Amino acid sequence: MVNPTKLANAESFTEAVCLAMREHGWQEPLWLATTAVDPGIGQAQQAVAAGVDLILACGGDGTVTSCAEGVAGSGVPLAIIPIGTGNLLARNLGLPVDLHEALTVAFTGSDQQLDAATANTKPFVVMAGLGLDARMLADTSEPLKKRLGWAAYAVSAVRHLSDRPMRVTLIADDRPAIRVRASAVVVGNVGWLRGGLPLLPDARPDDGMLDVVAMTARGWAAWAVLAAHILMRRGRTERVVRVQFSRLQIHLEREQPWELDGEVMGATRHLVISARPGRLLLRLPRRQ
């Protein structure tokens, strides 16, 4: 499964994949491209129906999420060839971002059951977010990402550091409601951002649970203090609230943009997020 918008040189990429497959004793692959209408779910289902032994999701986190949903429950493992901008799932799992190394893991690694999740019934495997991170993603254009890479997100985020915080109510499982003001709410199946920032340090993709953090800051100085707090992995304060859950309800006073695995989904006042333990069969590096 290939997201063609992420390829700088399609011919070179195709040659590298075919060469790696021959070197590891695999036959020629079935090539399927994602589209704006179907970012990978239908293509993955088509590949499963064709009897493939392995699916390579070649793209960013959004492509991986779509392919994972299409292959879920089939018993066919999914390998990640990270050619997106963020590649957060690959980085959190210790998967290589170099093409040749990623292909080696795909053809020689071992399979492991990992968790997935849904937000308002829509699947995701990395993170869901409300507020700042969704605005940041919405304002980051594809040309800017191609020119600056991951730094393009930082450029976009600067525009929103002074946005007014949201009034948020979090209800985790059957526990009492938590009411906070938050600039951003992020739910993670994994916890590390680019640059080694441990946003959700307790998040694990195989524990059957999800983690949420609500963060409050406004302006350069406040965000600098918040970043230092997160880097030092301090506990809960009025600026940072973290909760672990299997089902979470999020209620907002007004509509806010939200995103799943780097894809902006629109605006909402309510989200219901649920863990889906062991939903994803993923090809990982073989343990020594």
C-alpha atoms as a PDB file:
ATOM      1  CA  MET A   1       0.000   0.000   0.000  1.00  0.00           C
ATOM      2  CA  VAL A   2       1.686   3.220  -1.142  1.00  0.00           C
ATOM      3  CA  ASN A   3       0.692   6.816  -0.530  1.00  0.00           C
ATOM      4  CA  PRO A   4       1.964   8.362  -3.784  1.00  0.00           C
ATOM      5  CA  THR A   5       1.908  11.910  -2.387  1.00  0.00           C
ATOM      6  CA  LYS A   6       4.748  10.986  -0.013  1.00  0.00           C
ATOM      7  CA  LEU A   7       7.141   9.740  -2.696  1.00  0.00           C
ATOM      8  CA  ALA A   8       9.889  12.048  -3.921  1.00  0.00           C
ATOM      9  CA  ASN A   9      10.993   9.527  -6.556  1.00  0.00           C
ATOM     10  CA  ALA A  10       8.449   6.782  -7.291  1.00  0.00           C
ATOM     11  CA  GLU A  11      10.722   4.863  -9.672  1.00  0.00           C
ATOM     12  CA  SER A  12      13.603   4.694  -7.206  1.00  0.00           C
ATOM     13  CA  PHE A  13      11.246   3.628  -4.408  1.00  0.00           C
ATOM     14  CA  THR A  14       9.723   0.854  -6.522  1.00  0.00           C
ATOM     15  CA  GLU A  15      13.164  -0.461  -7.482  1.00  0.00           C
ATOM     16  CA  ALA A  16      14.309  -0.520  -3.840  1.00  0.00           C
ATOM     17  CA  VAL A  17      11.234  -2.457  -2.696  1.00  0.00           C
ATOM     18  CA  CYS A  18      11.437  -5.019  -5.506  1.00  0.00           C
ATOM     19  CA  LEU A  19      15.159  -5.539  -4.966  1.00  0.00           C
ATOM     20  CA  ALA A  20      14.693  -6.108  -1.244  1.00  0.00           C
ATOM     21  CA  MET A  21      11.905  -8.601  -1.904  1.00  0.00           C
ATOM     22  CA  ARG A  22      14.040 -10.604  -4.330  1.00  0.00           C
ATOM     23  CA  GLU A  23      16.975 -10.601  -1.895  1.00  0.00           C
ATOM     24  CA  HIS A  24      14.767 -12.044   0.836  1.00  0.00           C
ATOM     25  CA  GLY A  25      13.092 -14.642  -1.383  1.00  0.00           C
ATOM     26  CA  TRP A  26       9.738 -12.949  -1.932  1.00  0.00           C
ATOM     27  CA  GLN A  27       7.781 -12.819  -5.176  1.00  0.00           C
ATOM     28  CA  GLU A  28       6.846  -9.607  -6.962  1.00  0.00           C
ATOM     29  CA  PRO A  29       4.373  -7.604  -4.859  1.00  0.00           C
ATOM     30  CA  LEU A  30       0.818  -6.527  -5.488  1.00  0.00           C
ATOM     31  CA  TRP A  31       1.033  -2.718  -5.782  1.00  0.00           C
ATOM     32  CA  LEU A  32      -1.946  -0.675  -4.592  1.00  0.00           C
ATOM     33  CA  ALA A  33      -1.974   3.124  -4.248  1.00  0.00           C
ATOM     34  CA  THR A  34      -3.962   5.078  -1.698  1.00  0.00           C
ATOM     35  CA  THR A  35      -6.234   7.875  -2.866  1.00  0.00           C
ATOM     36  CA  ALA A  36      -7.908  10.929  -1.360  1.00  0.00           C
ATOM     37  CA  VAL A  37     -11.204   8.987  -1.395  1.00  0.00           C
ATOM     38  CA  ASP A  38      -9.720   5.825   0.142  1.00  0.00           C
ATOM     39  CA  PRO A  39      -6.495   6.367   2.119  1.00  0.00           C
ATOM     40  CA  GLY A  40      -5.846   2.635   2.518  1.00  0.00           C
ATOM     41  CA  ILE A  41      -8.706   0.720   4.127  1.00  0.00           C
ATOM     42  CA  GLY A  42     -10.191  -0.601   0.885  1.00  0.00           C
ATOM     43  CA  GLN A  43      -6.792  -1.357  -0.621  1.00  0.00           C
ATOM     44  CA  ALA A  44      -5.736  -3.354   2.443  1.00  0.00           C
ATOM     45  CA  GLN A  45      -8.996  -5.316   2.336  1.00  0.00           C
ATOM     46  CA  GLN A  46      -8.390  -5.993  -1.359  1.00  0.00           C
ATOM     47  CA  ALA A  47      -4.895  -7.264  -0.598  1.00  0.00           C
ATOM     48  CA  VAL A  48      -6.183  -9.565   2.148  1.00  0.00           C
ATOM     49  CA  ALA A  49      -8.831 -10.937  -0.226  1.00  0.00           C
ATOM     50  CA  ALA A  50      -6.067 -11.595  -2.768  1.00  0.00           C
ATOM     51  CA  GLY A  51      -4.309 -13.860  -0.262  1.00  0.00           C
ATOM     52  CA  VAL A  52      -1.183 -11.834   0.508  1.00  0.00           C
ATOM     53  CA  ASP A  53       1.131 -12.913   3.340  1.00  0.00           C
ATOM     54  CA  LEU A  54       2.244  -9.423   4.370  1.00  0.00           C
ATOM     55  CA  ILE A  55       1.105  -5.839   3.816  1.00  0.00           C
ATOM     56  CA  LEU A  56       3.590  -2.970   3.652  1.00  0.00           C
ATOM     57  CA  ALA A  57       2.061   0.376   4.617  1.00  0.00           C
ATOM     58  CA  CYS A  58       4.233   2.925   2.799  1.00  0.00           C
ATOM     59  CA  GLY A  59       3.365   6.424   3.951  1.00  0.00           C
ATOM     60  CA  GLY A  60       2.819   8.438   7.101  1.00  0.00           C
ATOM     61  CA  ASP A  61       0.827   7.685  10.231  1.00  0.00           C
ATOM     62  CA  GLY A  62      -2.470   8.321   8.451  1.00  0.00           C
ATOM     63  CA  THR A  63      -1.663   5.686   5.834  1.00  0.00           C
ATOM     64  CA  VAL A  64      -0.642   3.225   8.549  1.00  0.00           C
ATOM     65  CA  THR A  65      -3.913   3.801  10.404  1.00  0.00           C
ATOM     66  CA  SER A  66      -6.024   3.183   7.303  1.00  0.00           C
ATOM     67  CA  CYS A  67      -4.107   0.048   6.340  1.00  0.00           C
ATOM     68  CA  ALA A  68      -4.311  -1.232   9.911  1.00  0.00           C
ATOM     69  CA  GLU A  69      -8.077  -0.885   9.895  1.00  0.00           C
ATOM     70  CA  GLY A  70      -8.346  -2.655   6.548  1.00  0.00           C
ATOM     71  CA  VAL A  71      -6.232  -5.600   7.692  1.00  0.00           C
ATOM     72  CA  ALA A  72      -7.642  -5.843  11.244  1.00  0.00           C
ATOM     73  CA  GLY A  73      -8.822  -9.299  12.251  1.00  0.00           C
ATOM     74  CA  SER A  74      -7.439 -10.971   9.114  1.00  0.00           C
ATOM     75  CA  GLY A  75      -4.289 -12.449  10.665  1.00  0.00           C
ATOM     76  CA  VAL A  76      -2.182 -10.791   7.974  1.00  0.00           C
ATOM     77  CA  PRO A  77       0.689  -8.797   9.536  1.00  0.00           C
ATOM     78  CA  LEU A  78       1.333  -5.162   8.712  1.00  0.00           C
ATOM     79  CA  ALA A  79       4.821  -3.743   8.176  1.00  0.00           C
ATOM     80  CA  ILE A  80       5.555  -0.024   8.263  1.00  0.00           C
ATOM     81  CA  ILE A  81       7.706   1.671   5.637  1.00  0.00           C
ATOM     82  CA  PRO A  82       7.754   5.213   7.078  1.00  0.00           C
ATOM     83  CA  ILE A  83       7.876   7.843   4.345  1.00  0.00           C
ATOM     84  CA  GLY A  84       5.694  10.470   6.018  1.00  0.00           C
ATOM     85  CA  THR A  85       6.652  13.649   7.847  1.00  0.00           C
ATOM     86  CA  GLY A  86       6.041  12.634  11.462  1.00  0.00           C
ATOM     87  CA  ASN A  87       6.232   8.807  11.420  1.00  0.00           C
ATOM     88  CA  LEU A  88       5.373   8.807  15.133  1.00  0.00           C
ATOM     89  CA  LEU A  89       4.308   5.169  15.383  1.00  0.00           C
ATOM     90  CA  ALA A  90       7.495   3.922  13.738  1.00  0.00           C
ATOM     91  CA  ARG A  91       9.677   6.090  15.972  1.00  0.00           C
ATOM     92  CA  ASN A  92       7.847   5.080  19.158  1.00  0.00           C
ATOM     93  CA  LEU A  93       8.236   1.404  18.293  1.00  0.00           C
ATOM     94  CA  GLY A  94      11.920   1.703  17.438  1.00  0.00           C
ATOM     95  CA  LEU A  95      11.330   0.978  13.761  1.00  0.00           C
ATOM     96  CA  PRO A  96      13.936   2.334  11.338  1.00  0.00           C
ATOM     97  CA  VAL A  97      13.031   5.286   9.143  1.00  0.00           C
ATOM     98  CA  ASP A  98      15.743   4.452   6.617  1.00  0.00           C
ATOM     99  CA  LEU A  99      14.080   2.761   3.642  1.00  0.00           C
ATOM    100  CA  HIS A 100      16.475  -0.177   3.296  1.00  0.00           C
ATOM    101  CA  GLU A 101      16.512  -0.893   7.034  1.00  0.00           C
ATOM    102  CA  ALA A 102      12.719  -0.678   7.191  1.00  0.00           C
ATOM    103  CA  LEU A 103      12.426  -3.166   4.319  1.00  0.00           C
ATOM    104  CA  THR A 104      14.791  -5.549   6.104  1.00  0.00           C
ATOM    105  CA  VAL A 105      12.563  -5.468   9.203  1.00  0.00           C
ATOM    106  CA  ALA A 106       9.494  -6.017   7.019  1.00  0.00           C
ATOM    107  CA  PHE A 107      10.933  -9.201   5.487  1.00  0.00           C
ATOM    108  CA  THR A 108      12.840 -10.623   8.465  1.00  0.00           C
ATOM    109  CA  GLY A 109      11.071  -9.337  11.596  1.00  0.00           C
ATOM    110  CA  SER A 110       8.582 -10.982  13.953  1.00  0.00           C
ATOM    111  CA  ASP A 111       4.910 -10.216  14.540  1.00  0.00           C
ATOM    112  CA  GLN A 112       3.406  -8.709  17.685  1.00  0.00           C
ATOM    113  CA  GLN A 113      -0.146  -7.862  18.726  1.00  0.00           C
ATOM    114  CA  LEU A 114      -0.508  -4.142  19.496  1.00  0.00           C
ATOM    115  CA  ASP A 115      -3.428  -1.984  20.534  1.00  0.00           C
ATOM    116  CA  ALA A 116      -5.451   0.405  18.410  1.00  0.00           C
ATOM    117  CA  ALA A 117      -8.266   2.814  19.286  1.00  0.00           C
ATOM    118  CA  THR A 118     -11.331   4.646  18.015  1.00  0.00           C
ATOM    119  CA  ALA A 119     -12.470   8.244  18.408  1.00  0.00           C
ATOM    120  CA  ASN A 120     -16.151   8.751  17.605  1.00  0.00           C
ATOM    121  CA  THR A 121     -15.930   5.299  15.931  1.00  0.00           C
ATOM    122  CA  LYS A 122     -13.052   6.406  13.643  1.00  0.00           C
ATOM    123  CA  PRO A 123      -9.877   4.277  14.025  1.00  0.00           C
ATOM    124  CA  PHE A 124      -6.436   5.505  15.026  1.00  0.00           C
ATOM    125  CA  VAL A 125      -3.199   3.864  16.167  1.00  0.00           C
ATOM    126  CA  VAL A 126      -0.977   6.748  17.317  1.00  0.00           C
ATOM    127  CA  MET A 127      -2.633   9.852  18.744  1.00  0.00           C
ATOM    128  CA  ALA A 128      -5.836  11.878  18.721  1.00  0.00           C
ATOM    129  CA  GLY A 129      -5.864  15.557  19.575  1.00  0.00           C
ATOM    130  CA  LEU A 130      -8.055  18.581  20.198  1.00  0.00           C
ATOM    131  CA  GLY A 131      -7.079  22.218  20.101  1.00  0.00           C
ATOM    132  CA  LEU A 132      -3.513  23.355  19.447  1.00  0.00           C
ATOM    133  CA  ASP A 133      -2.188  20.252  17.693  1.00  0.00           C
ATOM    134  CA  ALA A 134      -5.204  20.077  15.356  1.00  0.00           C
ATOM    135  CA  ARG A 135      -4.843  23.776  14.480  1.00  0.00           C
ATOM    136  CA  MET A 136      -1.135  23.231  13.895  1.00  0.00           C
ATOM    137  CA  LEU A 137      -1.822  20.372  11.497  1.00  0.00           C
ATOM    138  CA  ALA A 138      -4.555  22.276   9.684  1.00  0.00           C
ATOM    139  CA  ASP A 139      -2.194  25.200   9.043  1.00  0.00           C
ATOM    140  CA  THR A 140       0.742  23.097   7.821  1.00  0.00           C
ATOM    141  CA  SER A 141       0.674  22.759   4.044  1.00  0.00           C
ATOM    142  CA  GLU A 142       2.121  19.864   2.060  1.00  0.00           C
ATOM    143  CA  PRO A 143       4.618  22.143   0.237  1.00  0.00           C
ATOM    144  CA  LEU A 144       5.855  23.447   3.593  1.00  0.00           C
ATOM    145  CA  LYS A 145       6.260  19.883   4.926  1.00  0.00           C
ATOM    146  CA  LYS A 146       8.211  18.876   1.834  1.00  0.00           C
ATOM    147  CA  ARG A 147      10.469  21.909   2.203  1.00  0.00           C
ATOM    148  CA  LEU A 148      11.028  21.882   5.981  1.00  0.00           C
ATOM    149  CA  GLY A 149      10.058  18.365   7.059  1.00  0.00           C
ATOM    150  CA  TRP A 150       9.068  18.018  10.718  1.00  0.00           C
ATOM    151  CA  ALA A 151      10.080  21.639  11.410  1.00  0.00           C
ATOM    152  CA  ALA A 152       7.065  22.762   9.352  1.00  0.00           C
ATOM    153  CA  TYR A 153       4.814  21.774  12.266  1.00  0.00           C
ATOM    154  CA  ALA A 154       6.803  23.951  14.660  1.00  0.00           C
ATOM    155  CA  VAL A 155       6.458  26.937  12.322  1.00  0.00           C
ATOM    156  CA  SER A 156       2.691  26.416  12.250  1.00  0.00           C
ATOM    157  CA  ALA A 157       2.403  25.898  16.025  1.00  0.00           C
ATOM    158  CA  VAL A 158       3.982  29.289  16.746  1.00  0.00           C
ATOM    159  CA  ARG A 159       0.896  30.977  15.302  1.00  0.00           C
ATOM    160  CA  HIS A 160      -1.315  29.439  17.981  1.00  0.00           C
ATOM    161  CA  LEU A 161       0.719  29.804  21.176  1.00  0.00           C
ATOM    162  CA  SER A 162      -1.521  32.649  22.342  1.00  0.00           C
ATOM    163  CA  ASP A 163      -4.863  30.990  21.569  1.00  0.00           C
ATOM    164  CA  ARG A 164      -7.445  31.079  24.358  1.00  0.00           C
ATOM    165  CA  PRO A 165      -7.640  27.788  26.329  1.00  0.00           C
ATOM    166  CA  MET A 166     -10.737  25.588  26.094  1.00  0.00           C
ATOM    167  CA  ARG A 167     -13.062  24.515  28.904  1.00  0.00           C
ATOM    168  CA  VAL A 168     -12.807  20.719  28.918  1.00  0.00           C
ATOM    169  CA  THR A 169     -14.553  17.933  30.839  1.00  0.00           C
ATOM    170  CA  LEU A 170     -12.867  14.508  30.892  1.00  0.00           C
ATOM    171  CA  ILE A 171     -14.721  11.384  32.058  1.00  0.00           C
ATOM    172  CA  ALA A 172     -12.398   8.376  32.157  1.00  0.00           C
ATOM    173  CA  ASP A 173     -14.205   5.039  32.455  1.00  0.00           C
ATOM    174  CA  ASP A 174     -16.542   5.290  35.484  1.00  0.00           C
ATOM    175  CA  ARG A 175     -14.459   7.788  37.445  1.00  0.00           C
ATOM    176  CA  PRO A 176     -15.593  11.285  38.491  1.00  0.00           C
ATOM    177  CA  ALA A 177     -15.435  14.009  35.871  1.00  0.00           C
ATOM    178  CA  ILE A 178     -12.290  16.160  35.630  1.00  0.00           C
ATOM    179  CA  ARG A 179     -12.893  19.770  34.575  1.00  0.00           C
ATOM    180  CA  VAL A 180      -9.933  21.781  33.321  1.00  0.00           C
ATOM    181  CA  ARG A 181      -8.936  24.632  31.057  1.00  0.00           C
ATOM    182  CA  ALA A 182      -6.732  23.249  28.283  1.00  0.00           C
ATOM    183  CA  SER A 183      -4.907  24.592  25.263  1.00  0.00           C
ATOM    184  CA  ALA A 184      -4.583  21.074  23.891  1.00  0.00           C
ATOM    185  CA  VAL A 185      -5.894  17.614  24.755  1.00  0.00           C
ATOM    186  CA  VAL A 186      -3.929  14.678  23.346  1.00  0.00           C
ATOM    187  CA  VAL A 187      -4.801  10.984  23.616  1.00  0.00           C
ATOM    188  CA  GLY A 188      -1.998   8.542  22.894  1.00  0.00           C
ATOM    189  CA  ASN A 189      -1.536   4.866  22.182  1.00  0.00           C
ATOM    190  CA  VAL A 190       2.171   5.796  22.303  1.00  0.00           C
ATOM    191  CA  GLY A 191       3.723   8.671  24.181  1.00  0.00           C
ATOM    192  CA  TRP A 192       6.789  10.235  22.534  1.00  0.00           C
ATOM    193  CA  LEU A 193       6.787  13.135  20.105  1.00  0.00           C
ATOM    194  CA  ARG A 194       9.519  14.077  17.648  1.00  0.00           C
ATOM    195  CA  GLY A 195      12.548  15.585  19.339  1.00  0.00           C
ATOM    196  CA  GLY A 196      12.381  13.153  22.261  1.00  0.00           C
ATOM    197  CA  LEU A 197       9.500  14.914  24.047  1.00  0.00           C
ATOM    198  CA  PRO A 198       7.829  12.452  26.477  1.00  0.00           C
ATOM    199  CA  LEU A 199       4.300  13.838  26.214  1.00  0.00           C
ATOM    200  CA  LEU A 200       2.710  10.663  27.643  1.00  0.00           C
ATOM    201  CA  PRO A 201       5.623   8.809  29.277  1.00  0.00           C
ATOM    202  CA  ASP A 202       3.450   5.960  30.627  1.00  0.00           C
ATOM    203  CA  ALA A 203       1.743   5.145  27.316  1.00  0.00           C
ATOM    204  CA  ARG A 204       2.402   1.629  25.990  1.00  0.00           C
ATOM    205  CA  PRO A 205       0.967   0.259  22.726  1.00  0.00           C
ATOM    206  CA  ASP A 206       0.447  -3.246  24.142  1.00  0.00           C
ATOM    207  CA  ASP A 207      -1.090  -2.618  27.607  1.00  0.00           C
ATOM    208  CA  GLY A 208      -4.737  -2.511  26.500  1.00  0.00           C
ATOM    209  CA  MET A 209      -5.088   1.084  27.730  1.00  0.00           C
ATOM    210  CA  LEU A 210      -4.832   4.623  26.374  1.00  0.00           C
ATOM    211  CA  ASP A 211      -3.398   7.762  27.980  1.00  0.00           C
ATOM    212  CA  VAL A 212      -4.638  11.351  27.808  1.00  0.00           C
ATOM    213  CA  VAL A 213      -2.944  14.638  28.668  1.00  0.00           C
ATOM    214  CA  ALA A 214      -4.633  18.027  28.995  1.00  0.00           C
ATOM    215  CA  MET A 215      -2.161  20.928  28.793  1.00  0.00           C
ATOM    216  CA  THR A 216      -2.705  24.596  29.569  1.00  0.00           C
ATOM    217  CA  ALA A 217      -0.479  27.479  28.452  1.00  0.00           C
ATOM    218  CA  ARG A 218      -0.839  30.814  26.697  1.00  0.00           C
ATOM    219  CA  GLY A 219       2.020  32.758  25.208  1.00  0.00           C
ATOM    220  CA  TRP A 220       5.717  32.039  24.672  1.00  0.00           C
ATOM    221  CA  ALA A 221       6.751  32.110  28.329  1.00  0.00           C
ATOM    222  CA  ALA A 222       3.958  29.808  29.512  1.00  0.00           C
ATOM    223  CA  TRP A 223       4.669  27.275  26.766  1.00  0.00           C
ATOM    224  CA  ALA A 224       8.386  27.304  27.623  1.00  0.00           C
ATOM    225  CA  VAL A 225       7.570  26.495  31.261  1.00  0.00           C
ATOM    226  CA  LEU A 226       5.188  23.754  30.146  1.00  0.00           C
ATOM    227  CA  ALA A 227       7.787  22.199  27.814  1.00  0.00           C
ATOM    228  CA  ALA A 228      10.332  22.123  30.647  1.00  0.00           C
ATOM    229  CA  HIS A 229       7.760  20.467  32.911  1.00  0.00           C
ATOM    230  CA  ILE A 230       7.105  17.743  30.331  1.00  0.00           C
ATOM    231  CA  LEU A 231      10.798  17.164  29.619  1.00  0.00           C
ATOM    232  CA  MET A 232      11.467  16.645  33.337  1.00  0.00           C
ATOM    233  CA  ARG A 233       8.502  14.222  33.494  1.00  0.00           C
ATOM    234  CA  ARG A 234       6.939  15.830  36.506  1.00  0.00           C
ATOM    235  CA  GLY A 235       3.562  14.664  37.783  1.00  0.00           C
ATOM    236  CA  ARG A 236       0.158  16.293  37.592  1.00  0.00           C
ATOM    237  CA  THR A 237      -0.121  20.072  38.068  1.00  0.00           C
ATOM    238  CA  GLU A 238      -2.729  22.665  37.138  1.00  0.00           C
ATOM    239  CA  ARG A 239      -0.889  22.975  33.783  1.00  0.00           C
ATOM    240  CA  VAL A 240      -0.627  19.252  32.974  1.00  0.00           C
ATOM    241  CA  VAL A 241      -3.241  16.595  33.769  1.00  0.00           C
ATOM    242  CA  ARG A 242      -2.665  12.976  32.726  1.00  0.00           C
ATOM    243  CA  VAL A 243      -5.115  10.057  33.003  1.00  0.00           C
ATOM    244  CA  GLN A 244      -5.050   6.428  31.815  1.00  0.00           C
ATOM    245  CA  PHE A 245      -8.274   4.830  30.622  1.00  0.00           C
ATOM    246  CA  SER A 246      -9.986   2.274  28.421  1.00  0.00           C
ATOM    247  CA  ARG A 247     -12.909   4.572  27.506  1.00  0.00           C
ATOM    248  CA  LEU A 248     -12.904   8.365  27.649  1.00  0.00           C
ATOM    249  CA  GLN A 249     -15.554  11.007  27.080  1.00  0.00           C
ATOM    250  CA  ILE A 250     -14.387  14.520  26.228  1.00  0.00           C
ATOM    251  CA  HIS A 251     -16.869  17.404  26.352  1.00  0.00           C
ATOM    252  CA  LEU A 252     -16.062  20.979  25.302  1.00  0.00           C
ATOM    253  CA  GLU A 253     -17.868  24.279  25.813  1.00  0.00           C
ATOM    254  CA  ARG A 254     -17.534  25.101  22.105  1.00  0.00           C
ATOM    255  CA  GLU A 255     -16.523  23.320  18.914  1.00  0.00           C
ATOM    256  CA  GLN A 256     -12.811  22.755  18.441  1.00  0.00           C
ATOM    257  CA  PRO A 257     -10.764  21.227  15.607  1.00  0.00           C
ATOM    258  CA  TRP A 258      -9.644  17.639  16.179  1.00  0.00           C
ATOM    259  CA  GLU A 259      -7.245  15.255  14.495  1.00  0.00           C
ATOM    260  CA  LEU A 260      -6.435  11.557  14.275  1.00  0.00           C
ATOM    261  CA  ASP A 261      -2.916  10.375  13.457  1.00  0.00           C
ATOM    262  CA  GLY A 262      -2.035  13.631  11.763  1.00  0.00           C
ATOM    263  CA  GLU A 263      -5.267  13.994   9.780  1.00  0.00           C
ATOM    264  CA  VAL A 264      -7.630  16.870  10.660  1.00  0.00           C
ATOM    265  CA  MET A 265     -11.159  15.489  11.042  1.00  0.00           C
ATOM    266  CA  GLY A 266     -13.165  18.717  11.350  1.00  0.00           C
ATOM    267  CA  ALA A 267     -14.594  20.313  14.482  1.00  0.00           C
ATOM    268  CA  THR A 268     -16.536  18.855  17.416  1.00  0.00           C
ATOM    269  CA  ARG A 269     -17.717  19.475  20.977  1.00  0.00           C
ATOM    270  CA  HIS A 270     -17.741  15.805  22.001  1.00  0.00           C
ATOM    271  CA  LEU A 271     -15.406  12.858  21.563  1.00  0.00           C
ATOM    272  CA  VAL A 272     -15.770   9.286  22.799  1.00  0.00           C
ATOM    273  CA  ILE A 273     -12.471   7.423  22.671  1.00  0.00           C
ATOM    274  CA  SER A 274     -12.094   3.685  23.257  1.00  0.00           C
ATOM    275  CA  ALA A 275      -9.117   1.346  23.396  1.00  0.00           C
ATOM    276  CA  ARG A 276      -9.106  -1.718  21.132  1.00  0.00           C
ATOM    277  CA  PRO A 277      -6.598  -4.104  22.754  1.00  0.00           C
ATOM    278  CA  GLY A 278      -4.542  -6.331  20.463  1.00  0.00           C
ATOM    279  CA  ARG A 279      -6.257  -5.023  17.332  1.00  0.00           C
ATOM    280  CA  LEU A 280      -3.087  -4.627  15.248  1.00  0.00           C
ATOM    281  CA  LEU A 281      -0.690  -7.390  14.143  1.00  0.00           C
ATOM    282  CA  LEU A 282       2.517  -5.510  13.415  1.00  0.00           C
ATOM    283  CA  ARG A 283       5.862  -6.629  11.984  1.00  0.00           C
ATOM    284  CA  LEU A 284       8.638  -5.505  14.380  1.00  0.00           C
ATOM    285  CA  PRO A 285      12.403  -6.080  14.532  1.00  0.00           C
ATOM    286  CA  ARG A 286      13.221  -9.607  15.600  1.00  0.00           C
ATOM    287  CA  ARG A 287      14.361  -9.731  19.202  1.00  0.00           C
ATOM    288  CA  GLN A 288      17.922 -10.876  19.757  1.00  0.00           C
END
